[in-house]
């Protein structure tokens, strides 16, 4: 009988567990996560006003409640946690689904000024991630610049423009709701270094900006026209063609003089963040131009855009996990069809899936075939992986290694506490925002009866 540890309970980890129990009728799977809460970026990365996408949690929940799958939250792997080598001794196989935990940097002067943040940090704050910076995001901010034109950039732009009435029904933590409700930000620039035909946002996300109450969309058609595909977008893929159509419509519409303004900008490359009084006050951009090969080149013309808040959204990046090999250039773990490679050779019993395997690409659903490929490799290797040891339940050994696992019963207790908090505030569910409150809600680090899975040998 095969025992597998899946490290990470986001979509890639849960889809890996699902594929394992579907393809092997006896495999036992422990899904480990350093947080006491499951679902990864579906809980902590999807914008709180995107209820349809967040409802995917119900599908992931079904997998984690499977009789041969066990959720063990609060288990850190690697540095300051259970060593990779020890985990490999406790399970026949380990699949690492740890995502891409940090963001790419701009590498320009002033990037670390107060008021300059990554979109990843901003999303963590309004999503109640327990590692998030507590406050001060919007202090003194009148104008914001979001650098990037992907869906995350659109998300943070939209959240900055939403009012209390729209955000209150979400599960956003109370402190973030209060800060955003009191925000004095009136101008939000969302800026890309290339043209609208190369933007990474989806049309659905883009259109949502046009439906925000009390918000004008201000688009300069002359800037759009710098894109060679703008005049005749018929040769573009359908998604890019629709994006240009949406932007063209906004450019043609006269401003209505509403309270807030969202300004999609293109062909501008950030070169420096400027300071006033020790914090960011503006972004200096260089105008770019298409180079005829899908990239852009600088023109030597510059423009400064006022901003007391700057959010960079230029992509995610994987980080090394102590004990695993790491390709620093790609930000991934070297692998062959999901099998971890150590110095070019397959490492028996070690696997990867998700962004740490392929890089931060694709949508949530992309993780299904990625996980299936890895599980296929693992099950092909299974005859060589099963051995007399490990014997018995790994749980006591995880505790001996310093882990304090939070089982499914603990997670259900957190859910109840968040529902109770929401009711006390006159809202629906409201997320608990910090480690202390999550741990207190989960209760003692004990594994309940439904978590021990006593049917395991």
Protein backbone atom coordinates (compact mmCIF):
# COMPACT_ATOMS: atom_id res chain seq x y z
CA UNK A 1 0.00 0.00 0.00
CA UNK A 2 1.36 3.37 -1.11
CA UNK A 3 1.60 6.34 1.29
CA UNK A 4 2.05 9.71 -0.39
CA UNK A 5 2.62 13.17 1.07
CA UNK A 6 1.45 16.11 -1.04
CA UNK A 7 3.07 19.34 0.13
CA UNK A 8 0.69 22.22 -0.61
CA UNK A 9 -3.11 22.33 -0.53
CA UNK A 10 -3.76 24.74 -3.38
CA UNK A 11 -5.31 23.57 -6.67
CA UNK A 12 -2.18 21.73 -7.86
CA UNK A 13 -1.88 19.85 -4.55
CA UNK A 14 -5.56 18.97 -4.33
CA UNK A 15 -5.71 17.89 -7.97
CA UNK A 16 -2.66 15.71 -7.32
CA UNK A 17 -4.44 14.07 -4.37
CA UNK A 18 -7.57 13.61 -6.48
CA UNK A 19 -5.66 12.00 -9.33
CA UNK A 20 -3.90 9.66 -6.90
CA UNK A 21 -7.07 8.31 -5.27
CA UNK A 22 -8.83 8.05 -8.63
CA UNK A 23 -6.03 6.04 -10.22
CA UNK A 24 -5.05 3.88 -7.23
CA UNK A 25 -7.79 2.31 -5.12
CA UNK A 26 -5.55 1.80 -2.08
CA UNK A 27 -3.21 4.81 -1.97
CA UNK A 28 -3.31 6.93 1.22
CA UNK A 29 -2.62 10.64 0.81
CA UNK A 30 -1.66 13.25 3.40
CA UNK A 31 -2.00 16.82 2.09
CA UNK A 32 0.36 19.01 4.11
CA UNK A 33 0.29 22.79 4.26
CA UNK A 34 2.20 25.27 6.39
CA UNK A 35 -1.04 27.24 6.88
CA UNK A 36 -3.86 25.87 9.04
CA UNK A 37 -6.23 26.60 6.14
CA UNK A 38 -6.49 24.72 2.84
CA UNK A 39 -7.03 25.90 -0.77
CA UNK A 40 -3.89 28.00 -1.33
CA UNK A 41 -4.35 30.78 -3.88
CA UNK A 42 -8.07 30.04 -4.20
CA UNK A 43 -8.44 31.26 -0.61
CA UNK A 44 -5.61 33.79 -0.54
CA UNK A 45 -5.16 34.89 -4.16
CA UNK A 46 -8.59 35.11 -5.80
CA UNK A 47 -10.10 38.57 -5.33
CA UNK A 48 -12.84 38.59 -2.64
CA UNK A 49 -15.41 40.01 -5.07
CA UNK A 50 -14.94 37.06 -7.45
CA UNK A 51 -17.39 34.74 -5.74
CA UNK A 52 -17.78 32.43 -8.74
CA UNK A 53 -14.07 31.57 -8.82
CA UNK A 54 -13.88 31.36 -5.03
CA UNK A 55 -16.70 28.80 -5.13
CA UNK A 56 -14.10 26.39 -6.54
CA UNK A 57 -13.27 25.79 -2.89
CA UNK A 58 -16.29 23.50 -2.74
CA UNK A 59 -14.79 21.25 -5.43
CA UNK A 60 -11.44 21.17 -3.64
CA UNK A 61 -13.24 20.46 -0.38
CA UNK A 62 -14.78 17.30 -1.81
CA UNK A 63 -11.30 15.92 -2.52
CA UNK A 64 -9.96 16.80 0.94
CA UNK A 65 -12.93 15.02 2.54
CA UNK A 66 -12.21 11.80 0.65
CA UNK A 67 -11.79 8.84 3.01
CA UNK A 68 -8.23 8.20 1.80
CA UNK A 69 -7.12 11.85 1.86
CA UNK A 70 -6.14 13.66 5.06
CA UNK A 71 -5.50 17.38 5.46
CA UNK A 72 -2.70 18.29 7.86
CA UNK A 73 -2.35 22.06 8.14
CA UNK A 74 0.24 23.94 10.15
CA UNK A 75 3.03 21.65 8.92
CA UNK A 76 6.07 23.55 7.68
CA UNK A 77 8.44 21.63 5.39
CA UNK A 78 12.06 22.60 4.83
CA UNK A 79 13.73 25.41 6.77
CA UNK A 80 12.45 25.59 10.38
CA UNK A 81 10.18 22.64 9.74
CA UNK A 82 10.15 18.98 8.81
CA UNK A 83 13.30 18.33 6.75
CA UNK A 84 12.77 17.11 3.21
CA UNK A 85 14.95 14.09 4.00
CA UNK A 86 12.75 13.15 6.98
CA UNK A 87 9.56 13.51 4.97
CA UNK A 88 10.98 11.17 2.37
CA UNK A 89 11.57 8.57 5.13
CA UNK A 90 7.98 8.84 6.41
CA UNK A 91 6.27 8.36 3.03
CA UNK A 92 6.82 6.19 0.00
CA UNK A 93 6.61 9.29 -2.19
CA UNK A 94 6.40 13.06 -1.74
CA UNK A 95 4.89 15.47 -4.28
CA UNK A 96 5.85 19.12 -3.82
CA UNK A 97 3.12 21.54 -4.94
CA UNK A 98 4.45 24.66 -3.26
CA UNK A 99 3.59 27.16 -5.99
CA UNK A 100 5.51 30.35 -6.72
CA UNK A 101 5.66 32.18 -3.42
CA UNK A 102 7.22 35.50 -4.35
CA UNK A 103 6.95 38.16 -7.02
CA UNK A 104 9.25 39.41 -9.74
CA UNK A 105 10.94 42.75 -9.13
CA UNK A 106 11.33 45.73 -11.43
CA UNK A 107 15.01 46.26 -10.62
CA UNK A 108 14.79 50.06 -10.80
CA UNK A 109 15.85 52.85 -8.42
CA UNK A 110 13.31 53.66 -5.70
CA UNK A 111 11.58 50.30 -5.85
CA UNK A 112 11.93 49.84 -2.09
CA UNK A 113 10.58 53.25 -1.10
CA UNK A 114 7.73 53.35 1.44
CA UNK A 115 4.49 53.20 -0.54
CA UNK A 116 5.96 50.83 -3.14
CA UNK A 117 4.77 47.25 -2.82
CA UNK A 118 4.25 44.12 -4.84
CA UNK A 119 0.70 43.32 -5.87
CA UNK A 120 1.30 39.97 -4.16
CA UNK A 121 1.67 41.76 -0.82
CA UNK A 122 -1.41 43.89 -1.45
CA UNK A 123 -3.51 40.86 -2.36
CA UNK A 124 -2.27 39.06 0.78
CA UNK A 125 -3.43 42.04 2.88
CA UNK A 126 -6.97 42.25 1.52
CA UNK A 127 -7.23 38.43 1.43
CA UNK A 128 -6.28 38.07 5.14
CA UNK A 129 -3.14 36.00 4.57
CA UNK A 130 -1.58 35.58 8.03
CA UNK A 131 1.85 36.64 6.70
CA UNK A 132 0.49 39.94 5.34
CA UNK A 133 1.69 43.38 6.40
CA UNK A 134 -0.92 44.74 8.78
CA UNK A 135 -1.69 48.31 7.72
CA UNK A 136 -0.55 51.62 6.21
CA UNK A 137 -1.32 50.70 2.63
CA UNK A 138 -3.46 53.68 1.67
CA UNK A 139 -2.19 56.28 4.12
CA UNK A 140 -2.00 59.64 2.37
CA UNK A 141 -2.56 58.12 -1.09
CA UNK A 142 -4.49 60.14 -3.68
CA UNK A 143 -3.15 58.44 -6.82
CA UNK A 144 -2.00 54.87 -7.45
CA UNK A 145 0.05 53.27 -10.20
CA UNK A 146 -0.33 49.56 -10.90
CA UNK A 147 2.57 48.34 -13.04
CA UNK A 148 1.43 45.40 -15.15
CA UNK A 149 -1.47 44.49 -17.41
CA UNK A 150 -2.39 40.95 -16.37
CA UNK A 151 -5.39 39.70 -14.43
CA UNK A 152 -3.76 40.35 -11.04
CA UNK A 153 -3.15 43.96 -12.07
CA UNK A 154 -6.80 44.25 -13.06
CA UNK A 155 -7.84 42.70 -9.72
CA UNK A 156 -5.92 45.16 -7.57
CA UNK A 157 -7.05 48.07 -9.74
CA UNK A 158 -10.67 47.02 -9.31
CA UNK A 159 -10.35 46.53 -5.55
CA UNK A 160 -8.81 50.01 -5.20
CA UNK A 161 -11.81 51.47 -7.02
CA UNK A 162 -14.57 49.59 -5.19
CA UNK A 163 -16.60 51.12 -2.39
CA UNK A 164 -17.74 49.80 0.97
CA UNK A 165 -21.18 48.77 -0.30
CA UNK A 166 -19.61 46.43 -2.85
CA UNK A 167 -16.88 45.02 -0.62
CA UNK A 168 -18.87 44.52 2.59
CA UNK A 169 -20.68 41.36 1.35
CA UNK A 170 -17.31 39.68 0.66
CA UNK A 171 -15.11 37.77 3.13
CA UNK A 172 -12.51 40.57 3.17
CA UNK A 173 -11.02 41.11 6.65
CA UNK A 174 -12.56 43.99 8.56
CA UNK A 175 -9.38 46.09 8.76
CA UNK A 176 -8.88 45.98 4.98
CA UNK A 177 -12.56 46.78 4.38
CA UNK A 178 -12.36 49.80 6.70
CA UNK A 179 -9.17 51.07 5.05
CA UNK A 180 -10.49 50.68 1.51
CA UNK A 181 -13.81 52.27 2.47
CA UNK A 182 -11.95 55.34 3.77
CA UNK A 183 -9.55 55.46 0.80
CA UNK A 184 -8.94 58.84 -0.84
CA UNK A 185 -7.44 57.32 -3.99
CA UNK A 186 -9.17 58.91 -6.98
CA UNK A 187 -6.79 58.13 -9.87
CA UNK A 188 -5.51 54.65 -10.69
CA UNK A 189 -3.11 54.14 -13.59
CA UNK A 190 -2.69 50.57 -14.83
CA UNK A 191 0.43 50.61 -16.98
CA UNK A 192 2.02 48.18 -19.43
CA UNK A 193 5.34 48.47 -21.25
CA UNK A 194 3.90 46.94 -24.42
CA UNK A 195 0.69 47.52 -26.35
CA UNK A 196 -2.95 46.52 -25.80
CA UNK A 197 -2.67 43.61 -28.23
CA UNK A 198 -0.03 42.04 -25.95
CA UNK A 199 -1.73 42.62 -22.61
CA UNK A 200 -2.21 39.49 -20.49
CA UNK A 201 -5.60 40.26 -18.94
CA UNK A 202 -8.71 38.40 -20.07
CA UNK A 203 -11.58 40.29 -21.63
CA UNK A 204 -13.94 39.26 -18.85
CA UNK A 205 -11.63 40.76 -16.22
CA UNK A 206 -11.09 43.90 -18.29
CA UNK A 207 -14.82 44.48 -18.82
CA UNK A 208 -15.42 44.39 -15.08
CA UNK A 209 -13.56 47.68 -14.77
CA UNK A 210 -16.20 49.30 -16.96
CA UNK A 211 -19.00 48.28 -14.59
CA UNK A 212 -17.66 49.89 -11.42
CA UNK A 213 -19.97 52.48 -9.85
CA UNK A 214 -18.77 56.10 -9.68
CA UNK A 215 -15.70 55.31 -11.79
CA UNK A 216 -14.69 56.68 -15.18
CA UNK A 217 -12.50 54.73 -17.61
CA UNK A 218 -10.12 57.22 -19.23
CA UNK A 219 -8.31 55.83 -22.28
CA UNK A 220 -6.14 57.78 -24.71
CA UNK A 221 -6.83 56.49 -28.21
CA UNK A 222 -3.60 58.01 -29.51
CA UNK A 223 -1.71 55.77 -27.10
CA UNK A 224 -3.67 52.71 -28.21
CA UNK A 225 -2.92 53.59 -31.84
CA UNK A 226 0.81 53.15 -31.20
CA UNK A 227 0.07 49.41 -31.38
CA UNK A 228 0.43 48.26 -35.02
CA UNK A 229 -2.50 45.87 -34.53
CA UNK A 230 -4.87 48.54 -33.23
CA UNK A 231 -6.10 49.88 -36.57
CA UNK A 232 -6.95 46.39 -37.85
CA UNK A 233 -7.05 43.76 -35.10
CA UNK A 234 -8.69 41.12 -37.34
CA UNK A 235 -5.53 39.00 -37.50
CA UNK A 236 -5.21 38.80 -33.70
CA UNK A 237 -6.41 35.85 -31.61
CA UNK A 238 -10.00 36.31 -30.44
CA UNK A 239 -9.11 37.23 -26.85
CA UNK A 240 -6.72 40.02 -27.85
CA UNK A 241 -9.16 41.27 -30.49
CA UNK A 242 -11.92 41.54 -27.89
CA UNK A 243 -9.60 43.40 -25.52
CA UNK A 244 -8.90 46.02 -28.18
CA UNK A 245 -12.61 46.36 -28.89
CA UNK A 246 -13.32 47.04 -25.21
CA UNK A 247 -10.53 49.61 -24.96
CA UNK A 248 -11.64 51.25 -28.22
CA UNK A 249 -15.13 51.66 -26.79
CA UNK A 250 -13.82 53.29 -23.63
CA UNK A 251 -11.60 55.65 -25.63
CA UNK A 252 -14.60 56.82 -27.63
CA UNK A 253 -16.74 57.50 -24.56
CA UNK A 254 -16.52 61.00 -23.02
CA UNK A 255 -15.56 61.18 -19.33
CA UNK A 256 -18.58 61.55 -17.04
CA UNK A 257 -16.84 63.46 -14.26
CA UNK A 258 -17.20 60.67 -11.72
CA UNK A 259 -15.36 60.46 -8.40
CA UNK A 260 -12.70 57.94 -9.47
CA UNK A 261 -10.78 57.47 -12.69
CA UNK A 262 -9.07 54.30 -13.95
CA UNK A 263 -6.51 55.01 -16.65
CA UNK A 264 -5.24 51.99 -18.66
CA UNK A 265 -1.85 53.03 -20.11
CA UNK A 266 0.41 51.35 -22.65
CA UNK A 267 3.93 51.63 -24.12
CA UNK A 268 5.38 52.98 -20.88
CA UNK A 269 8.33 51.34 -19.11
CA UNK A 270 9.07 52.26 -15.46
CA UNK A 271 12.63 53.49 -14.99
CA UNK A 272 12.53 55.06 -11.50
CA UNK A 273 10.29 55.63 -8.50
CA UNK A 274 10.61 59.19 -7.23
CA UNK A 275 10.47 60.26 -3.60
CA UNK A 276 9.12 63.16 -1.61
CA UNK A 277 9.54 63.27 2.15
CA UNK A 278 11.06 59.80 2.18
CA UNK A 279 8.23 57.98 0.40
CA UNK A 280 7.15 57.42 -3.17
CA UNK A 281 5.47 60.36 -4.90
CA UNK A 282 5.66 59.50 -8.60
CA UNK A 283 6.81 56.98 -11.19
CA UNK A 284 9.09 58.00 -14.02
CA UNK A 285 8.32 56.13 -17.24
CA UNK A 286 10.08 55.94 -20.57
CA UNK A 287 7.87 55.86 -23.64
CA UNK A 288 8.47 52.66 -25.62
CA UNK A 289 7.79 51.71 -29.23
CA UNK A 290 7.26 48.35 -30.95
CA UNK A 291 10.47 46.89 -32.36
CA UNK A 292 8.74 44.78 -35.01
CA UNK A 293 9.62 41.50 -33.27
CA UNK A 294 7.01 41.43 -30.51
CA UNK A 295 9.09 43.45 -28.05
CA UNK A 296 9.59 47.16 -27.43
CA UNK A 297 12.48 49.57 -27.41
CA UNK A 298 13.01 52.80 -25.50
CA UNK A 299 12.45 56.12 -27.26
CA UNK A 300 14.30 58.44 -24.88
CA UNK A 301 11.09 60.31 -24.07
CA UNK A 302 9.97 60.33 -20.43
CA UNK A 303 6.84 61.00 -18.43
CA UNK A 304 6.21 61.26 -14.70
CA UNK A 305 2.96 59.98 -13.18
CA UNK A 306 1.95 61.02 -9.67
CA UNK A 307 1.51 58.15 -7.23
CA UNK A 308 1.63 57.80 -3.46
CA UNK A 309 0.95 54.06 -3.88
CA UNK A 310 2.76 51.88 -6.41
CA UNK A 311 1.92 48.20 -6.89
CA UNK A 312 4.07 46.08 -9.19
CA UNK A 313 2.32 43.15 -10.83
CA UNK A 314 4.88 41.74 -13.24
CA UNK A 315 4.68 38.04 -12.42
CA UNK A 316 5.31 35.43 -9.73
CA UNK A 317 8.45 33.47 -9.06
CA UNK A 318 9.20 30.21 -7.28
CA UNK A 319 11.55 30.15 -4.31
CA UNK A 320 13.93 27.38 -3.22
CA UNK A 321 12.71 24.82 -0.70
CA UNK A 322 15.53 23.73 1.58
CA UNK A 323 16.56 20.20 0.68
CA UNK A 324 15.24 20.29 -2.92
CA UNK A 325 17.23 21.15 -6.04
CA UNK A 326 16.30 24.48 -7.64
CA UNK A 327 16.78 26.10 -11.02
CA UNK A 328 17.37 29.75 -10.06
CA UNK A 329 17.03 30.98 -13.62
CA UNK A 330 13.58 29.48 -14.15
CA UNK A 331 12.41 29.59 -10.55
CA UNK A 332 11.40 25.92 -10.67
CA UNK A 333 12.53 22.50 -9.45
CA UNK A 334 14.27 20.52 -12.22
CA UNK A 335 12.13 17.54 -13.22
CA UNK A 336 11.34 14.95 -15.85
CA UNK A 337 7.58 14.53 -16.31
CA UNK A 338 7.18 15.53 -12.66
CA UNK A 339 10.05 13.37 -11.33
CA UNK A 340 12.53 15.53 -9.40
CA UNK A 341 16.03 15.57 -10.89
CA UNK A 342 19.07 15.80 -8.64
CA UNK A 343 22.24 16.59 -10.59
CA UNK A 344 20.48 15.37 -13.71
CA UNK A 345 19.33 12.01 -12.31
CA UNK A 346 15.83 11.07 -11.19
CA UNK A 347 15.45 11.21 -7.39
CA UNK A 348 13.33 8.17 -6.40
CA UNK A 349 10.13 9.07 -4.60
CA UNK A 350 10.33 12.85 -5.14
CA UNK A 351 7.94 14.68 -7.48
CA UNK A 352 6.64 18.16 -8.29
CA UNK A 353 3.41 19.58 -9.69
CA UNK A 354 1.99 23.04 -10.29
CA UNK A 355 3.92 26.28 -10.60
CA UNK A 356 7.05 24.99 -8.89
CA UNK A 357 7.14 22.41 -11.68
CA UNK A 358 6.27 24.45 -14.76
CA UNK A 359 6.57 28.10 -13.67
CA UNK A 360 3.72 30.56 -12.99
CA UNK A 361 1.73 29.94 -16.15
CA UNK A 362 -1.82 28.97 -17.00
CA UNK A 363 -5.10 29.24 -15.12
CA UNK A 364 -6.40 27.19 -12.20
CA UNK A 365 -7.61 24.45 -14.53
CA UNK A 366 -4.13 24.08 -16.04
CA UNK A 367 -3.12 22.34 -12.81
CA UNK A 368 -5.30 19.30 -13.60
CA UNK A 369 -3.30 17.91 -16.54
CA UNK A 370 -0.08 18.99 -14.82
CA UNK A 371 -0.99 16.98 -11.72
CA UNK A 372 -2.14 14.03 -13.81
CA UNK A 373 1.22 13.85 -15.60
CA UNK A 374 3.07 13.80 -12.28
CA UNK A 375 0.77 11.18 -10.76
CA UNK A 376 1.16 9.00 -13.85
CA UNK A 377 4.93 9.11 -13.34
CA UNK A 378 4.57 8.35 -9.62
CA UNK A 379 2.30 5.36 -10.14
CA UNK A 380 4.59 4.00 -12.85
CA UNK A 381 7.36 4.12 -10.25
CA UNK A 382 5.22 2.68 -7.44
CA UNK A 383 6.53 -0.93 -7.54
CA UNK A 384 10.02 0.37 -6.79
CA UNK A 385 8.81 2.82 -4.13
CA UNK A 386 6.83 0.52 -1.87
CA UNK A 387 9.05 -0.92 0.83
CA UNK A 388 8.58 -2.37 4.32
CA UNK A 389 9.13 1.10 5.77
CA UNK A 390 7.57 3.55 6.40
CA UNK A 391 5.32 1.64 8.79
CA UNK A 392 2.23 2.97 10.50
CA UNK A 393 0.82 6.46 10.57
CA UNK A 394 3.41 9.22 9.90
CA UNK A 395 1.53 11.61 12.22
CA UNK A 396 3.49 10.84 15.44
CA UNK A 397 6.75 11.24 13.54
CA UNK A 398 5.63 14.59 12.11
CA UNK A 399 4.92 15.75 15.65
CA UNK A 400 8.29 14.45 16.79
CA UNK A 401 9.87 16.58 14.06
CA UNK A 402 8.27 19.66 15.61
CA UNK A 403 5.05 19.95 13.57
CA UNK A 404 1.74 20.86 15.24
CA UNK A 405 -0.75 19.58 12.68
CA UNK A 406 -4.19 21.12 12.33
CA UNK A 407 -6.55 18.49 10.98
CA UNK A 408 -9.81 18.83 9.10
CA UNK A 409 -11.72 19.31 12.34
CA UNK A 410 -9.48 22.28 13.14
CA UNK A 411 -10.16 23.78 9.73
CA UNK A 412 -13.92 23.36 10.22
CA UNK A 413 -13.55 25.18 13.54
CA UNK A 414 -11.83 28.06 11.71
CA UNK A 415 -14.73 28.18 9.24
CA UNK A 416 -17.22 28.41 12.10
CA UNK A 417 -15.21 31.17 13.77
CA UNK A 418 -15.14 33.19 10.54
CA UNK A 419 -18.90 32.81 10.15
CA UNK A 420 -19.42 33.94 13.75
CA UNK A 421 -17.10 36.92 13.24
CA UNK A 422 -19.04 37.96 10.15
CA UNK A 423 -22.36 37.71 11.98
CA UNK A 424 -21.03 39.87 14.82
CA UNK A 425 -20.06 42.56 12.28
CA UNK A 426 -23.34 42.41 10.38
CA UNK A 427 -21.62 40.81 7.42
CA UNK A 428 -21.42 37.29 6.00
CA UNK A 429 -18.22 35.26 6.49
CA UNK A 430 -15.22 37.42 7.46
CA UNK A 431 -11.72 35.94 7.32
CA UNK A 432 -9.51 35.76 10.38
CA UNK A 433 -6.43 37.81 9.45
CA UNK A 434 -3.53 36.54 11.57
CA UNK A 435 -1.75 33.47 12.89
CA UNK A 436 -2.90 33.94 16.48
CA UNK A 437 -6.61 34.10 15.66
CA UNK A 438 -6.40 31.17 13.23
CA UNK A 439 -4.59 29.00 15.76
CA UNK A 440 -7.00 29.99 18.53
CA UNK A 441 -10.00 29.16 16.33
CA UNK A 442 -8.54 25.78 15.30
CA UNK A 443 -8.19 24.81 18.94
CA UNK A 444 -5.57 22.48 20.44
CA UNK A 445 -3.23 20.85 17.95
CA UNK A 446 -5.10 17.58 18.08
CA UNK A 447 -6.34 15.48 15.21
CA UNK A 448 -10.03 14.73 15.51
CA UNK A 449 -11.64 11.34 14.99
CA UNK A 450 -12.47 12.09 11.38
CA UNK A 451 -8.84 13.04 10.81
CA UNK A 452 -7.10 9.98 12.23
CA UNK A 453 -8.53 7.78 9.50
CA UNK A 454 -8.30 4.69 11.69
CA UNK A 455 -9.00 2.52 8.70
CA UNK A 456 -5.38 3.06 7.71
CA UNK A 457 -3.19 0.09 8.64
